[in-house]
Amino acid sequence: MAPVSSRFSCTDDATLDEGLAAAKSALAAGELVVLPTDTVYGLAADAFEPAAVRRLLEAKGRDRDMPPPVLVASPTTLDALATDIPSYLRDMISELWPGPLTVICHQQPSLSWDLGDTRETVAVRMPDNPYALALLKQTGPLAVSSANTSGEPAAEDIEAAELMLGDAVAVYLDGGPAAGAVPSTIVDVTGRTPRIAREGAVPASVLAEYHIALAPKLCRRPTSCRRPRRPQRPRRPQRPKRPRMPKRSRRPRRSRRPRRSRRPKRSGRTTRSIQGRARPRRASAERCVPTSWSSASHSG
């Protein structure tokens, strides 16, 4: 049997407590709840229940690469969820919370939850809606995304949310028409310099007081501030390439014989070798005979 969704009106005091109790029970059981916020209607699940978060992403038709933000009931809850909170961020949330401002911080390493591919970060917001805050005080932090399917506009009333999500949601809390169709402004403080990751209800001029500027990919300057482009020169027509003539076959060159070294000329009684040294001329056979032998031959 298909589950049946329940709908409660928050504007009626008689059904408000009953609706909050039904929503609390549904969230504890891992079910989904649609609740009003200060921007658009949100789809909520228990942030510390991985199965409930997966059910939220499946109902919206999203993957794990788009994790939902977390709604809290008090600014002091930020210290329990995030770490490395700069001082300017505390000043900013003390002025702008509750309100349509979402901050991305480094999450606490001790948290045992699975919101998706968060890259060790968490997006936290405190809504400015009495019905949402009343539910958050009873349940604690909730993973909340806009109440719509992927590719469709966010629901601004309970009828639009019920038409898109249907029986995937256990409890619908009707808080009347949404306060505004503009989503919350997302500020990323995980880098060296804070930046606006998404423009929203909080204007950039207000965030500029805290030295927070637009991200480079979202910064769009007016046309009057842009530099005029230089006119491009017309390209010269390329000349047709001449056909390459075939190379003539050349006759192979004859190998030259190495030159013979000339003998040095004889001068006097000495001859010069190739190295240029002087050596004595060989004596004749007669001069090589000892004197004693010549005298002996004459005497005999």
C-alpha atoms as a PDB file:
ATOM      1  CA  MET A   1       0.000   0.000   0.000  1.00  0.00           C
ATOM      2  CA  ALA A   2       1.359   3.401  -1.001  1.00  0.00           C
ATOM      3  CA  PRO A   3       2.079   5.805   1.863  1.00  0.00           C
ATOM      4  CA  VAL A   4      -0.434   8.564   2.417  1.00  0.00           C
ATOM      5  CA  SER A   5       0.763  12.129   2.933  1.00  0.00           C
ATOM      6  CA  SER A   6      -0.637  14.349   5.654  1.00  0.00           C
ATOM      7  CA  ARG A   7      -1.188  18.068   5.345  1.00  0.00           C
ATOM      8  CA  PHE A   8      -1.448  20.500   8.228  1.00  0.00           C
ATOM      9  CA  SER A   9      -2.125  24.223   8.299  1.00  0.00           C
ATOM     10  CA  CYS A  10       0.361  26.219  10.363  1.00  0.00           C
ATOM     11  CA  THR A  11      -1.722  29.366  10.339  1.00  0.00           C
ATOM     12  CA  ASP A  12      -4.340  27.666  12.524  1.00  0.00           C
ATOM     13  CA  ASP A  13      -3.235  27.377  16.144  1.00  0.00           C
ATOM     14  CA  ALA A  14      -5.425  24.304  16.627  1.00  0.00           C
ATOM     15  CA  THR A  15      -3.554  22.294  13.965  1.00  0.00           C
ATOM     16  CA  LEU A  16      -0.096  23.839  14.357  1.00  0.00           C
ATOM     17  CA  ASP A  17       0.950  21.716  17.337  1.00  0.00           C
ATOM     18  CA  GLU A  18      -0.495  18.612  15.710  1.00  0.00           C
ATOM     19  CA  GLY A  19       1.385  19.319  12.490  1.00  0.00           C
ATOM     20  CA  LEU A  20       4.684  19.922  14.298  1.00  0.00           C
ATOM     21  CA  ALA A  21       4.287  16.675  16.242  1.00  0.00           C
ATOM     22  CA  ALA A  22       3.511  14.732  13.028  1.00  0.00           C
ATOM     23  CA  ALA A  23       6.491  16.307  11.270  1.00  0.00           C
ATOM     24  CA  LYS A  24       8.799  15.466  14.177  1.00  0.00           C
ATOM     25  CA  SER A  25       7.648  11.831  14.159  1.00  0.00           C
ATOM     26  CA  ALA A  26       8.072  11.561  10.391  1.00  0.00           C
ATOM     27  CA  LEU A  27      11.601  12.987  10.506  1.00  0.00           C
ATOM     28  CA  ALA A  28      12.566  10.601  13.316  1.00  0.00           C
ATOM     29  CA  ALA A  29      11.350   7.703  11.139  1.00  0.00           C
ATOM     30  CA  GLY A  30      13.523   8.834   8.227  1.00  0.00           C
ATOM     31  CA  GLU A  31      10.663  10.347   6.199  1.00  0.00           C
ATOM     32  CA  LEU A  32      10.544  13.673   4.349  1.00  0.00           C
ATOM     33  CA  VAL A  33       8.711  16.836   5.385  1.00  0.00           C
ATOM     34  CA  VAL A  34       7.848  19.987   3.425  1.00  0.00           C
ATOM     35  CA  LEU A  35       7.981  23.130   5.556  1.00  0.00           C
ATOM     36  CA  PRO A  36       7.756  26.883   4.898  1.00  0.00           C
ATOM     37  CA  THR A  37      10.842  29.093   5.138  1.00  0.00           C
ATOM     38  CA  ASP A  38      11.588  32.789   4.758  1.00  0.00           C
ATOM     39  CA  THR A  39      12.360  32.323   1.036  1.00  0.00           C
ATOM     40  CA  VAL A  40      10.594  29.352  -0.632  1.00  0.00           C
ATOM     41  CA  TYR A  41       9.206  26.052   0.615  1.00  0.00           C
ATOM     42  CA  GLY A  42      11.821  23.522   1.676  1.00  0.00           C
ATOM     43  CA  LEU A  43      12.108  19.742   1.618  1.00  0.00           C
ATOM     44  CA  ALA A  44      13.532  18.556   4.951  1.00  0.00           C
ATOM     45  CA  ALA A  45      15.153  15.354   6.212  1.00  0.00           C
ATOM     46  CA  ASP A  46      17.118  14.317   9.288  1.00  0.00           C
ATOM     47  CA  ALA A  47      20.682  15.516   8.642  1.00  0.00           C
ATOM     48  CA  PHE A  48      22.190  12.705  10.740  1.00  0.00           C
ATOM     49  CA  GLU A  49      20.295   9.918   8.944  1.00  0.00           C
ATOM     50  CA  PRO A  50      22.091   8.954   5.681  1.00  0.00           C
ATOM     51  CA  ALA A  51      19.079   7.002   4.371  1.00  0.00           C
ATOM     52  CA  ALA A  52      16.827  10.038   4.826  1.00  0.00           C
ATOM     53  CA  VAL A  53      19.293  12.294   2.991  1.00  0.00           C
ATOM     54  CA  ARG A  54      19.466   9.797   0.112  1.00  0.00           C
ATOM     55  CA  ARG A  55      15.664   9.785  -0.008  1.00  0.00           C
ATOM     56  CA  LEU A  56      15.692  13.592  -0.212  1.00  0.00           C
ATOM     57  CA  LEU A  57      18.116  13.586  -3.154  1.00  0.00           C
ATOM     58  CA  GLU A  58      16.112  10.874  -4.937  1.00  0.00           C
ATOM     59  CA  ALA A  59      12.867  12.818  -4.507  1.00  0.00           C
ATOM     60  CA  LYS A  60      14.466  15.873  -6.103  1.00  0.00           C
ATOM     61  CA  GLY A  61      16.252  13.867  -8.792  1.00  0.00           C
ATOM     62  CA  ARG A  62      19.732  15.013  -7.752  1.00  0.00           C
ATOM     63  CA  ASP A  63      23.070  13.288  -7.347  1.00  0.00           C
ATOM     64  CA  ARG A  64      25.473  13.322  -4.423  1.00  0.00           C
ATOM     65  CA  ASP A  65      27.459  16.153  -5.983  1.00  0.00           C
ATOM     66  CA  MET A  66      24.711  18.621  -4.915  1.00  0.00           C
ATOM     67  CA  PRO A  67      24.427  18.185  -1.117  1.00  0.00           C
ATOM     68  CA  PRO A  68      21.636  20.011   0.707  1.00  0.00           C
ATOM     69  CA  PRO A  69      22.316  22.800   3.236  1.00  0.00           C
ATOM     70  CA  VAL A  70      21.566  22.457   6.929  1.00  0.00           C
ATOM     71  CA  LEU A  71      19.040  24.655   8.759  1.00  0.00           C
ATOM     72  CA  VAL A  72      19.573  25.477  12.437  1.00  0.00           C
ATOM     73  CA  ALA A  73      17.439  27.144  15.093  1.00  0.00           C
ATOM     74  CA  SER A  74      20.191  29.246  16.737  1.00  0.00           C
ATOM     75  CA  PRO A  75      23.463  30.903  15.689  1.00  0.00           C
ATOM     76  CA  THR A  76      25.269  29.056  18.489  1.00  0.00           C
ATOM     77  CA  THR A  77      24.631  25.767  16.671  1.00  0.00           C
ATOM     78  CA  LEU A  78      27.142  26.853  14.033  1.00  0.00           C
ATOM     79  CA  ASP A  79      30.025  26.080  16.406  1.00  0.00           C
ATOM     80  CA  ALA A  80      28.802  22.494  16.735  1.00  0.00           C
ATOM     81  CA  LEU A  81      28.681  21.979  12.964  1.00  0.00           C
ATOM     82  CA  ALA A  82      31.573  24.072  11.615  1.00  0.00           C
ATOM     83  CA  THR A  83      35.180  24.829  12.472  1.00  0.00           C
ATOM     84  CA  ASP A  84      37.650  27.615  11.651  1.00  0.00           C
ATOM     85  CA  ILE A  85      34.935  30.260  11.870  1.00  0.00           C
ATOM     86  CA  PRO A  86      36.432  33.714  11.175  1.00  0.00           C
ATOM     87  CA  SER A  87      35.559  36.654  13.376  1.00  0.00           C
ATOM     88  CA  TYR A  88      33.969  38.652  10.568  1.00  0.00           C
ATOM     89  CA  LEU A  89      31.551  35.750   9.960  1.00  0.00           C
ATOM     90  CA  ARG A  90      30.375  35.880  13.565  1.00  0.00           C
ATOM     91  CA  ASP A  91      29.709  39.600  13.206  1.00  0.00           C
ATOM     92  CA  MET A  92      27.860  38.989   9.958  1.00  0.00           C
ATOM     93  CA  ILE A  93      25.544  36.254  11.232  1.00  0.00           C
ATOM     94  CA  SER A  94      24.825  38.228  14.392  1.00  0.00           C
ATOM     95  CA  GLU A  95      23.404  40.948  12.153  1.00  0.00           C
ATOM     96  CA  LEU A  96      21.878  38.898   9.305  1.00  0.00           C
ATOM     97  CA  TRP A  97      20.611  35.775  11.113  1.00  0.00           C
ATOM     98  CA  PRO A  98      17.857  34.754  11.090  1.00  0.00           C
ATOM     99  CA  GLY A  99      17.579  35.585   7.440  1.00  0.00           C
ATOM    100  CA  PRO A 100      18.167  34.456   3.846  1.00  0.00           C
ATOM    101  CA  LEU A 101      21.933  33.990   4.233  1.00  0.00           C
ATOM    102  CA  THR A 102      23.696  30.628   3.817  1.00  0.00           C
ATOM    103  CA  VAL A 103      27.354  30.294   4.837  1.00  0.00           C
ATOM    104  CA  ILE A 104      29.705  27.526   3.667  1.00  0.00           C
ATOM    105  CA  CYS A 105      32.264  26.556   6.317  1.00  0.00           C
ATOM    106  CA  HIS A 106      34.624  23.698   7.107  1.00  0.00           C
ATOM    107  CA  GLN A 107      32.636  21.034   8.881  1.00  0.00           C
ATOM    108  CA  GLN A 108      33.575  19.512  12.200  1.00  0.00           C
ATOM    109  CA  PRO A 109      35.608  16.331  11.630  1.00  0.00           C
ATOM    110  CA  SER A 110      33.728  14.557  14.429  1.00  0.00           C
ATOM    111  CA  LEU A 111      30.335  14.757  12.657  1.00  0.00           C
ATOM    112  CA  SER A 112      28.919  11.360  11.677  1.00  0.00           C
ATOM    113  CA  TRP A 113      26.646  12.222   8.761  1.00  0.00           C
ATOM    114  CA  ASP A 114      26.542  11.805   5.000  1.00  0.00           C
ATOM    115  CA  LEU A 115      25.096  14.783   3.152  1.00  0.00           C
ATOM    116  CA  GLY A 116      26.793  13.874  -0.133  1.00  0.00           C
ATOM    117  CA  ASP A 117      30.032  14.993  -1.743  1.00  0.00           C
ATOM    118  CA  THR A 118      30.557  17.974   0.560  1.00  0.00           C
ATOM    119  CA  ARG A 119      34.392  17.975   0.373  1.00  0.00           C
ATOM    120  CA  GLU A 120      34.580  18.377   4.150  1.00  0.00           C
ATOM    121  CA  THR A 121      32.377  21.506   4.090  1.00  0.00           C
ATOM    122  CA  VAL A 122      28.864  22.309   5.291  1.00  0.00           C
ATOM    123  CA  ALA A 123      26.351  24.998   4.280  1.00  0.00           C
ATOM    124  CA  VAL A 124      24.429  26.378   7.270  1.00  0.00           C
ATOM    125  CA  ARG A 125      21.478  28.775   7.480  1.00  0.00           C
ATOM    126  CA  MET A 126      19.048  30.026  10.098  1.00  0.00           C
ATOM    127  CA  PRO A 127      15.649  30.780   8.496  1.00  0.00           C
ATOM    128  CA  ASP A 128      13.503  33.719   9.521  1.00  0.00           C
ATOM    129  CA  ASN A 129      10.234  31.805   9.730  1.00  0.00           C
ATOM    130  CA  PRO A 130       8.408  31.064  13.013  1.00  0.00           C
ATOM    131  CA  TYR A 131       7.048  27.691  11.863  1.00  0.00           C
ATOM    132  CA  ALA A 132      10.407  26.464  10.607  1.00  0.00           C
ATOM    133  CA  LEU A 133      12.164  27.631  13.784  1.00  0.00           C
ATOM    134  CA  ALA A 134       9.532  25.927  15.950  1.00  0.00           C
ATOM    135  CA  LEU A 135      10.172  22.613  14.182  1.00  0.00           C
ATOM    136  CA  LEU A 136      13.970  23.019  14.288  1.00  0.00           C
ATOM    137  CA  LYS A 137      13.903  23.590  18.042  1.00  0.00           C
ATOM    138  CA  GLN A 138      12.190  20.218  18.452  1.00  0.00           C
ATOM    139  CA  THR A 139      14.221  18.197  15.935  1.00  0.00           C
ATOM    140  CA  GLY A 140      17.640  19.828  15.800  1.00  0.00           C
ATOM    141  CA  PRO A 141      19.549  20.551  12.551  1.00  0.00           C
ATOM    142  CA  LEU A 142      17.768  19.435   9.383  1.00  0.00           C
ATOM    143  CA  ALA A 143      19.025  18.913   5.844  1.00  0.00           C
ATOM    144  CA  VAL A 144      16.732  21.163   3.808  1.00  0.00           C
ATOM    145  CA  SER A 145      16.647  21.870   0.079  1.00  0.00           C
ATOM    146  CA  SER A 146      14.103  23.678  -2.037  1.00  0.00           C
ATOM    147  CA  ALA A 147      10.802  21.787  -2.411  1.00  0.00           C
ATOM    148  CA  ASN A 148      10.923  21.042  -6.120  1.00  0.00           C
ATOM    149  CA  THR A 149      12.182  18.471  -8.562  1.00  0.00           C
ATOM    150  CA  SER A 150      15.388  19.092 -10.469  1.00  0.00           C
ATOM    151  CA  GLY A 151      14.881  21.545 -13.317  1.00  0.00           C
ATOM    152  CA  GLU A 152      11.582  22.939 -11.984  1.00  0.00           C
ATOM    153  CA  PRO A 153      11.117  26.275 -10.185  1.00  0.00           C
ATOM    154  CA  ALA A 154      11.040  26.242  -6.397  1.00  0.00           C
ATOM    155  CA  ALA A 155       7.590  25.911  -4.837  1.00  0.00           C
ATOM    156  CA  GLU A 156       6.144  29.162  -3.526  1.00  0.00           C
ATOM    157  CA  ASP A 157       3.049  27.534  -2.001  1.00  0.00           C
ATOM    158  CA  ILE A 158       2.130  24.144  -0.605  1.00  0.00           C
ATOM    159  CA  GLU A 159       0.054  23.185  -3.640  1.00  0.00           C
ATOM    160  CA  ALA A 160       3.029  23.513  -5.998  1.00  0.00           C
ATOM    161  CA  ALA A 161       5.222  21.445  -3.668  1.00  0.00           C
ATOM    162  CA  GLU A 162       2.584  18.730  -3.335  1.00  0.00           C
ATOM    163  CA  LEU A 163       2.116  18.611  -7.099  1.00  0.00           C
ATOM    164  CA  MET A 164       5.842  18.034  -7.749  1.00  0.00           C
ATOM    165  CA  LEU A 165       6.747  15.752  -4.838  1.00  0.00           C
ATOM    166  CA  GLY A 166       3.493  13.891  -4.220  1.00  0.00           C
ATOM    167  CA  ASP A 167       3.620  10.838  -1.950  1.00  0.00           C
ATOM    168  CA  ALA A 168       7.423  11.022  -1.581  1.00  0.00           C
ATOM    169  CA  VAL A 169       6.744  13.395   1.339  1.00  0.00           C
ATOM    170  CA  ALA A 170       5.091  12.194   4.538  1.00  0.00           C
ATOM    171  CA  VAL A 171       4.010  15.540   6.030  1.00  0.00           C
ATOM    172  CA  TYR A 172       3.225  18.886   4.393  1.00  0.00           C
ATOM    173  CA  LEU A 173       3.219  21.971   6.616  1.00  0.00           C
ATOM    174  CA  ASP A 174       1.185  24.745   5.002  1.00  0.00           C
ATOM    175  CA  GLY A 175       2.398  28.182   6.026  1.00  0.00           C
ATOM    176  CA  GLY A 176       0.635  30.138   3.285  1.00  0.00           C
ATOM    177  CA  PRO A 177       2.298  31.791   0.304  1.00  0.00           C
ATOM    178  CA  ALA A 178       6.080  32.064   0.462  1.00  0.00           C
ATOM    179  CA  ALA A 179       7.551  35.386   1.550  1.00  0.00           C
ATOM    180  CA  GLY A 180       9.631  35.668  -1.602  1.00  0.00           C
ATOM    181  CA  ALA A 181      10.713  33.638  -4.593  1.00  0.00           C
ATOM    182  CA  VAL A 182      14.327  34.803  -4.334  1.00  0.00           C
ATOM    183  CA  PRO A 183      16.615  32.122  -2.842  1.00  0.00           C
ATOM    184  CA  SER A 184      19.109  32.766  -0.089  1.00  0.00           C
ATOM    185  CA  THR A 185      22.516  34.287  -0.729  1.00  0.00           C
ATOM    186  CA  ILE A 186      25.369  31.786  -0.343  1.00  0.00           C
ATOM    187  CA  VAL A 187      28.711  33.017   1.029  1.00  0.00           C
ATOM    188  CA  ASP A 188      31.759  30.758   0.941  1.00  0.00           C
ATOM    189  CA  VAL A 189      34.296  31.374   3.722  1.00  0.00           C
ATOM    190  CA  THR A 190      36.420  28.245   3.224  1.00  0.00           C
ATOM    191  CA  GLY A 191      39.034  30.023   1.087  1.00  0.00           C
ATOM    192  CA  ARG A 192      41.584  32.693   1.883  1.00  0.00           C
ATOM    193  CA  THR A 193      39.125  35.440   0.959  1.00  0.00           C
ATOM    194  CA  PRO A 194      35.337  35.186   1.391  1.00  0.00           C
ATOM    195  CA  ARG A 195      33.262  35.247  -1.773  1.00  0.00           C
ATOM    196  CA  ILE A 196      29.642  35.155  -2.846  1.00  0.00           C
ATOM    197  CA  ALA A 197      28.993  31.735  -4.361  1.00  0.00           C
ATOM    198  CA  ARG A 198      25.379  32.592  -5.291  1.00  0.00           C
ATOM    199  CA  GLU A 199      23.535  35.878  -5.399  1.00  0.00           C
ATOM    200  CA  GLY A 200      20.229  35.945  -3.586  1.00  0.00           C
ATOM    201  CA  ALA A 201      17.995  37.848  -1.210  1.00  0.00           C
ATOM    202  CA  VAL A 202      20.869  39.536   0.655  1.00  0.00           C
ATOM    203  CA  PRO A 203      22.320  42.121  -1.755  1.00  0.00           C
ATOM    204  CA  ALA A 204      26.037  42.348  -2.460  1.00  0.00           C
ATOM    205  CA  SER A 205      26.120  45.928  -1.169  1.00  0.00           C
ATOM    206  CA  VAL A 206      25.256  44.688   2.335  1.00  0.00           C
ATOM    207  CA  LEU A 207      27.955  41.992   2.208  1.00  0.00           C
ATOM    208  CA  ALA A 208      30.498  44.518   0.956  1.00  0.00           C
ATOM    209  CA  GLU A 209      30.551  46.006   4.463  1.00  0.00           C
ATOM    210  CA  TYR A 210      32.192  42.743   5.585  1.00  0.00           C
ATOM    211  CA  HIS A 211      34.668  42.796   2.674  1.00  0.00           C
ATOM    212  CA  ILE A 212      32.894  39.997   0.824  1.00  0.00           C
ATOM    213  CA  ALA A 213      32.853  40.267  -2.960  1.00  0.00           C
ATOM    214  CA  LEU A 214      31.391  38.301  -5.816  1.00  0.00           C
ATOM    215  CA  ALA A 215      33.153  35.220  -7.055  1.00  0.00           C
ATOM    216  CA  PRO A 216      35.050  35.793 -10.327  1.00  0.00           C
ATOM    217  CA  LYS A 217      32.767  33.484 -12.286  1.00  0.00           C
ATOM    218  CA  LEU A 218      29.660  35.379 -11.063  1.00  0.00           C
ATOM    219  CA  CYS A 219      31.032  38.911 -11.384  1.00  0.00           C
ATOM    220  CA  ARG A 220      29.242  40.605 -14.249  1.00  0.00           C
ATOM    221  CA  ARG A 221      30.274  44.170 -14.935  1.00  0.00           C
ATOM    222  CA  PRO A 222      28.001  46.538 -16.838  1.00  0.00           C
ATOM    223  CA  THR A 223      28.662  47.027 -20.486  1.00  0.00           C
ATOM    224  CA  SER A 224      29.877  50.605 -19.946  1.00  0.00           C
ATOM    225  CA  CYS A 225      32.759  49.342 -17.767  1.00  0.00           C
ATOM    226  CA  ARG A 226      34.060  46.856 -20.271  1.00  0.00           C
ATOM    227  CA  ARG A 227      36.934  47.673 -22.539  1.00  0.00           C
ATOM    228  CA  PRO A 228      36.041  48.017 -26.189  1.00  0.00           C
ATOM    229  CA  ARG A 229      37.417  45.251 -28.289  1.00  0.00           C
ATOM    230  CA  ARG A 230      39.976  46.102 -30.897  1.00  0.00           C
ATOM    231  CA  PRO A 231      38.818  45.638 -34.472  1.00  0.00           C
ATOM    232  CA  GLN A 232      40.498  42.672 -36.014  1.00  0.00           C
ATOM    233  CA  ARG A 233      42.587  43.253 -39.070  1.00  0.00           C
ATOM    234  CA  PRO A 234      41.443  41.492 -42.203  1.00  0.00           C
ATOM    235  CA  ARG A 235      43.733  38.670 -43.030  1.00  0.00           C
ATOM    236  CA  ARG A 236      45.724  38.866 -46.202  1.00  0.00           C
ATOM    237  CA  PRO A 237      44.828  36.325 -48.817  1.00  0.00           C
ATOM    238  CA  GLN A 238      47.419  33.642 -48.921  1.00  0.00           C
ATOM    239  CA  ARG A 239      49.334  33.249 -52.121  1.00  0.00           C
ATOM    240  CA  PRO A 240      49.019  29.929 -53.853  1.00  0.00           C
ATOM    241  CA  LYS A 241      52.039  27.817 -53.271  1.00  0.00           C
ATOM    242  CA  ARG A 242      54.211  27.128 -56.267  1.00  0.00           C
ATOM    243  CA  PRO A 243      54.549  23.526 -57.287  1.00  0.00           C
ATOM    244  CA  ARG A 244      57.832  22.137 -56.174  1.00  0.00           C
ATOM    245  CA  MET A 245      60.088  21.088 -59.035  1.00  0.00           C
ATOM    246  CA  PRO A 246      61.649  17.660 -58.834  1.00  0.00           C
ATOM    247  CA  LYS A 247      65.291  17.721 -57.904  1.00  0.00           C
ATOM    248  CA  ARG A 248      67.845  16.839 -60.567  1.00  0.00           C
ATOM    249  CA  SER A 249      69.787  13.697 -60.026  1.00  0.00           C
ATOM    250  CA  ARG A 250      73.420  14.607 -59.594  1.00  0.00           C
ATOM    251  CA  ARG A 251      76.336  12.398 -60.532  1.00  0.00           C
ATOM    252  CA  PRO A 252      78.234  11.097 -57.530  1.00  0.00           C
ATOM    253  CA  ARG A 253      81.460  12.899 -56.859  1.00  0.00           C
ATOM    254  CA  ARG A 254      84.721  11.069 -57.273  1.00  0.00           C
ATOM    255  CA  SER A 255      86.555  10.419 -54.113  1.00  0.00           C
ATOM    256  CA  ARG A 256      89.839  12.283 -53.975  1.00  0.00           C
ATOM    257  CA  ARG A 257      92.977  10.417 -53.155  1.00  0.00           C
ATOM    258  CA  PRO A 258      94.876  11.625 -50.143  1.00  0.00           C
ATOM    259  CA  ARG A 259      97.979  13.655 -51.018  1.00  0.00           C
ATOM    260  CA  ARG A 260     101.309  12.051 -50.424  1.00  0.00           C
ATOM    261  CA  SER A 261     103.650  13.853 -48.132  1.00  0.00           C
ATOM    262  CA  ARG A 262     106.652  15.240 -49.936  1.00  0.00           C
ATOM    263  CA  ARG A 263     110.049  14.064 -48.893  1.00  0.00           C
ATOM    264  CA  PRO A 264     112.299  16.775 -47.508  1.00  0.00           C
ATOM    265  CA  LYS A 265     115.161  17.883 -49.716  1.00  0.00           C
ATOM    266  CA  ARG A 266     118.643  16.839 -48.761  1.00  0.00           C
ATOM    267  CA  SER A 267     121.060  19.648 -47.965  1.00  0.00           C
ATOM    268  CA  GLY A 268     124.646  19.031 -46.925  1.00  0.00           C
ATOM    269  CA  ARG A 269     125.513  15.976 -44.918  1.00  0.00           C
ATOM    270  CA  THR A 270     122.316  15.928 -42.910  1.00  0.00           C
ATOM    271  CA  THR A 271     118.861  14.813 -43.919  1.00  0.00           C
ATOM    272  CA  ARG A 272     115.651  16.047 -42.377  1.00  0.00           C
ATOM    273  CA  SER A 273     112.944  13.620 -41.461  1.00  0.00           C
ATOM    274  CA  ILE A 274     109.296  14.264 -41.794  1.00  0.00           C
ATOM    275  CA  GLN A 275     109.198  15.624 -38.259  1.00  0.00           C
ATOM    276  CA  GLY A 276     111.967  18.092 -39.133  1.00  0.00           C
ATOM    277  CA  ARG A 277     114.721  16.607 -36.953  1.00  0.00           C
ATOM    278  CA  ALA A 278     118.315  16.504 -38.208  1.00  0.00           C
ATOM    279  CA  ARG A 279     120.076  13.176 -38.152  1.00  0.00           C
ATOM    280  CA  PRO A 280     123.692  12.384 -39.157  1.00  0.00           C
ATOM    281  CA  ARG A 281     124.441  10.963 -42.521  1.00  0.00           C
ATOM    282  CA  ARG A 282     125.510   7.300 -42.544  1.00  0.00           C
ATOM    283  CA  ALA A 283     129.231   6.899 -43.105  1.00  0.00           C
ATOM    284  CA  SER A 284     130.728   4.751 -45.893  1.00  0.00           C
ATOM    285  CA  ALA A 285     131.929   1.185 -45.358  1.00  0.00           C
ATOM    286  CA  GLU A 286     135.569   2.199 -45.527  1.00  0.00           C
ATOM    287  CA  ARG A 287     135.345   4.640 -42.716  1.00  0.00           C
ATOM    288  CA  CYS A 288     133.597   2.098 -40.575  1.00  0.00           C
ATOM    289  CA  VAL A 289     136.672  -0.232 -40.510  1.00  0.00           C
ATOM    290  CA  PRO A 290     138.786   0.200 -37.359  1.00  0.00           C
ATOM    291  CA  THR A 291     142.345   1.549 -37.753  1.00  0.00           C
ATOM    292  CA  SER A 292     143.991  -1.532 -36.264  1.00  0.00           C
ATOM    293  CA  TRP A 293     142.508  -3.780 -38.903  1.00  0.00           C
ATOM    294  CA  SER A 294     143.881  -1.603 -41.754  1.00  0.00           C
ATOM    295  CA  SER A 295     147.356  -1.562 -40.322  1.00  0.00           C
ATOM    296  CA  ALA A 296     147.304  -5.309 -39.832  1.00  0.00           C
ATOM    297  CA  SER A 297     146.391  -5.945 -43.463  1.00  0.00           C
ATOM    298  CA  HIS A 298     149.261  -3.765 -44.703  1.00  0.00           C
ATOM    299  CA  SER A 299     151.746  -5.497 -42.495  1.00  0.00           C
ATOM    300  CA  GLY A 300     150.820  -8.975 -43.691  1.00  0.00           C
END
